[in-house]
Amino acid sequence: MAGDASEVPEGAAVFPLIPAELGVHPLLLAVLHAVVFFDGSAEGVINDAAADEALNYLVTYLQRLQGPELQRVREDLSVLSEYGRSNDWPAEELQFLTNFLRDYALGEEASS
């Protein structure tokens, strides 16, 4: 039914639901879903300035990751990439995972 509050509007970017069995850290999944929504949704769905500000804060906090925490993110992104490939995810979603660390200047990938 049109206008139903539970209906996802056209142009909303949504990352696929990830099963708990993969063992990916739930906080990383929450961040990935937020980044996809803020960075990928159409202007008519979200306010671009507000989304950019929220995304900048998320990235600022992620850039604080170091050592074992950053390594865990790398490993989880690898697991997600493998899962996505085995489930025939669109190339755009796989590329998002592959380039996530570099695109958001996290860890050593930021300099490559």
Protein backbone atom coordinates (compact mmCIF):
# COMPACT_ATOMS: atom_id res chain seq x y z
CA MET A 1 0.00 0.00 0.00
CA ALA A 2 1.43 3.36 -1.05
CA GLY A 3 2.58 5.65 1.72
CA ASP A 4 2.78 2.81 4.23
CA ALA A 5 5.43 3.73 6.81
CA SER A 6 6.85 0.18 6.66
CA GLU A 7 7.46 0.40 2.91
CA VAL A 8 11.07 1.09 1.90
CA PRO A 9 11.08 4.04 -0.49
CA GLU A 10 12.53 3.80 -3.97
CA GLY A 11 16.15 4.95 -3.91
CA ALA A 12 16.96 3.72 -0.40
CA ALA A 13 20.26 1.85 -0.41
CA VAL A 14 20.09 -1.29 1.71
CA PHE A 15 22.84 -3.83 2.37
CA PRO A 16 21.78 -7.51 2.45
CA LEU A 17 20.93 -9.18 5.74
CA ILE A 18 23.97 -11.12 6.99
CA PRO A 19 23.42 -14.40 8.86
CA ALA A 20 24.82 -14.65 12.38
CA GLU A 21 26.47 -17.97 11.46
CA LEU A 22 29.16 -16.10 9.51
CA GLY A 23 30.57 -14.78 12.78
CA VAL A 24 31.05 -11.23 11.47
CA HIS A 25 31.19 -8.71 14.31
CA PRO A 26 27.70 -7.23 14.77
CA LEU A 27 29.04 -3.69 15.22
CA LEU A 28 30.83 -3.90 11.87
CA LEU A 29 27.60 -5.07 10.25
CA ALA A 30 25.72 -2.15 11.80
CA VAL A 31 28.33 0.28 10.48
CA LEU A 32 28.30 -1.27 7.00
CA HIS A 33 24.51 -1.00 6.82
CA ALA A 34 24.65 2.65 7.93
CA VAL A 35 27.43 3.52 5.47
CA VAL A 36 25.52 1.92 2.58
CA PHE A 37 22.37 3.81 3.54
CA PHE A 38 24.04 7.19 4.07
CA ASP A 39 26.39 6.97 1.10
CA GLY A 40 24.15 5.18 -1.37
CA SER A 41 20.61 6.42 -0.88
CA ALA A 42 19.04 8.88 -3.28
CA GLU A 43 18.71 12.53 -2.32
CA GLY A 44 14.92 12.19 -2.09
CA VAL A 45 15.28 9.52 0.60
CA ILE A 46 17.71 11.29 2.92
CA ASN A 47 19.04 14.77 3.44
CA ASP A 48 22.48 14.74 1.79
CA ALA A 49 24.08 17.23 4.18
CA ALA A 50 22.88 15.32 7.24
CA ALA A 51 23.92 11.98 5.73
CA ASP A 52 27.38 13.34 4.86
CA GLU A 53 27.87 14.64 8.38
CA ALA A 54 26.81 11.33 9.95
CA LEU A 55 29.01 9.41 7.51
CA ASN A 56 31.99 11.63 8.30
CA TYR A 57 31.61 10.87 12.01
CA LEU A 58 31.30 7.13 11.37
CA VAL A 59 34.47 7.18 9.29
CA THR A 60 36.30 9.29 11.88
CA TYR A 61 35.53 6.69 14.54
CA LEU A 62 36.47 3.80 12.26
CA GLN A 63 39.83 5.43 11.55
CA ARG A 64 40.67 4.94 15.22
CA LEU A 65 40.81 1.18 14.73
CA GLN A 66 44.30 -0.29 15.11
CA GLY A 67 46.06 -3.58 15.69
CA PRO A 68 43.84 -6.58 16.41
CA GLU A 69 40.62 -4.57 16.02
CA LEU A 70 41.58 -3.45 12.52
CA GLN A 71 42.75 -6.97 11.68
CA ARG A 72 39.35 -8.30 12.77
CA VAL A 73 37.63 -5.84 10.41
CA ARG A 74 39.88 -7.01 7.54
CA GLU A 75 39.04 -10.65 8.28
CA ASP A 76 35.32 -9.94 8.57
CA LEU A 77 35.32 -8.03 5.27
CA SER A 78 37.03 -11.01 3.66
CA VAL A 79 34.37 -13.37 5.05
CA LEU A 80 31.64 -11.07 3.76
CA SER A 81 33.25 -10.88 0.32
CA GLU A 82 33.46 -14.65 0.10
CA TYR A 83 29.86 -14.97 1.26
CA GLY A 84 28.73 -12.38 -1.29
CA ARG A 85 30.54 -14.10 -4.15
CA SER A 86 29.07 -17.48 -3.21
CA ASN A 87 25.60 -15.91 -3.14
CA ASP A 88 25.98 -14.05 -6.44
CA TRP A 89 25.75 -10.56 -4.99
CA PRO A 90 25.88 -7.72 -7.51
CA ALA A 91 29.36 -6.53 -8.43
CA GLU A 92 28.67 -3.14 -6.81
CA GLU A 93 28.17 -4.74 -3.37
CA LEU A 94 31.27 -6.90 -3.72
CA GLN A 95 33.33 -3.88 -4.77
CA PHE A 96 32.04 -1.94 -1.74
CA LEU A 97 33.43 -4.66 0.54
CA THR A 98 36.70 -5.01 -1.36
CA ASN A 99 37.38 -1.26 -1.34
CA PHE A 100 35.89 -0.38 2.05
CA LEU A 101 39.18 0.02 3.93
CA ARG A 102 40.79 2.07 1.17
CA ASP A 103 37.74 4.19 0.37
CA TYR A 104 37.29 5.24 3.97
CA ALA A 105 41.03 5.61 4.73
CA LEU A 106 41.24 2.83 7.31
CA GLY A 107 44.57 1.26 8.16
CA GLU A 108 47.40 0.78 5.71
CA GLU A 109 44.95 0.51 2.77
CA ALA A 110 44.51 4.26 3.11
CA SER A 111 47.92 4.89 1.61
CA SER A 112 47.62 2.49 -1.32
